[in-house]
């Protein structure tokens, strides 16, 4: 059975920046990622951080992803 070692996680967010200048029917989507978030941070911390960036960027938050960086190591029994 493998054992899991946690590493620092990544917060990945997608924002709707509004309609494009050339085609107002098409929205501009931008993705931002922030690394080195402690693996013991709970999902509420990720949510509040993403909502803070939403206000900072003055854009609508479309998706929030928590990317877990783990290493699976085989354990001898």
Protein backbone atom coordinates (compact mmCIF):
# COMPACT_ATOMS: atom_id res chain seq x y z
CA UNK A 1 0.00 0.00 0.00
CA UNK A 2 1.44 3.42 -0.93
CA UNK A 3 1.94 6.20 1.58
CA UNK A 4 1.37 9.85 0.72
CA UNK A 5 3.74 12.75 1.46
CA UNK A 6 2.19 16.23 1.13
CA UNK A 7 4.01 19.12 -0.49
CA UNK A 8 3.00 22.73 -0.89
CA UNK A 9 -0.24 23.16 -2.84
CA UNK A 10 -1.19 25.47 -5.70
CA UNK A 11 -4.21 27.77 -5.95
CA UNK A 12 -5.40 28.08 -9.54
CA UNK A 13 -8.14 30.57 -10.42
CA UNK A 14 -9.92 31.51 -13.64
CA UNK A 15 -11.35 35.02 -14.01
CA UNK A 16 -13.80 36.54 -16.48
CA UNK A 17 -12.26 39.90 -17.39
CA UNK A 18 -15.30 41.01 -19.41
CA UNK A 19 -16.05 41.33 -23.11
CA UNK A 20 -13.21 41.47 -25.61
CA UNK A 21 -12.42 44.72 -27.44
CA UNK A 22 -12.75 43.16 -30.90
CA UNK A 23 -15.75 40.93 -30.22
CA UNK A 24 -18.08 42.07 -27.41
CA UNK A 25 -19.90 38.71 -27.62
CA UNK A 26 -16.78 36.86 -26.42
CA UNK A 27 -15.51 37.16 -22.84
CA UNK A 28 -11.82 37.28 -21.99
CA UNK A 29 -10.83 34.55 -19.51
CA UNK A 30 -7.54 34.72 -17.60
CA UNK A 31 -5.97 32.09 -15.34
CA UNK A 32 -3.73 32.87 -12.39
CA UNK A 33 -1.81 30.40 -10.24
CA UNK A 34 -0.15 30.86 -6.87
CA UNK A 35 2.17 28.21 -5.49
CA UNK A 36 3.70 27.38 -2.14
CA UNK A 37 0.47 27.29 -0.15
CA UNK A 38 0.82 25.11 2.92
CA UNK A 39 -0.82 21.69 2.54
CA UNK A 40 -2.42 21.98 5.99
CA UNK A 41 -4.46 25.04 4.88
CA UNK A 42 -8.12 24.11 4.66
CA UNK A 43 -10.40 24.77 1.70
CA UNK A 44 -11.90 27.85 3.38
CA UNK A 45 -8.48 29.54 3.27
CA UNK A 46 -8.27 28.87 -0.47
CA UNK A 47 -11.79 30.23 -0.94
CA UNK A 48 -11.10 33.47 0.99
CA UNK A 49 -7.81 33.99 -0.82
CA UNK A 50 -9.48 33.57 -4.22
CA UNK A 51 -12.29 35.97 -3.26
CA UNK A 52 -9.64 38.53 -2.24
CA UNK A 53 -7.97 38.24 -5.65
CA UNK A 54 -11.38 38.63 -7.30
CA UNK A 55 -11.74 42.04 -5.64
CA UNK A 56 -8.13 42.97 -6.41
CA UNK A 57 -8.45 42.11 -10.12
CA UNK A 58 -11.97 43.60 -10.33
CA UNK A 59 -13.08 40.56 -12.33
CA UNK A 60 -15.64 37.77 -11.90
CA UNK A 61 -14.26 34.54 -10.46
CA UNK A 62 -15.21 31.61 -12.72
CA UNK A 63 -13.36 28.62 -11.17
CA UNK A 64 -11.17 27.88 -8.17
CA UNK A 65 -8.90 24.84 -8.20
CA UNK A 66 -6.77 23.43 -5.41
CA UNK A 67 -3.92 21.47 -6.95
CA UNK A 68 -2.46 18.98 -4.48
CA UNK A 69 1.20 18.13 -4.90
CA UNK A 70 1.85 14.77 -3.31
CA UNK A 71 4.39 12.01 -3.62
CA UNK A 72 3.26 8.41 -3.37
CA UNK A 73 5.87 6.13 -1.84
CA UNK A 74 5.64 2.37 -1.63
CA UNK A 75 5.74 1.15 1.96
CA UNK A 76 7.09 -2.28 2.73
CA UNK A 77 4.95 -4.32 5.07
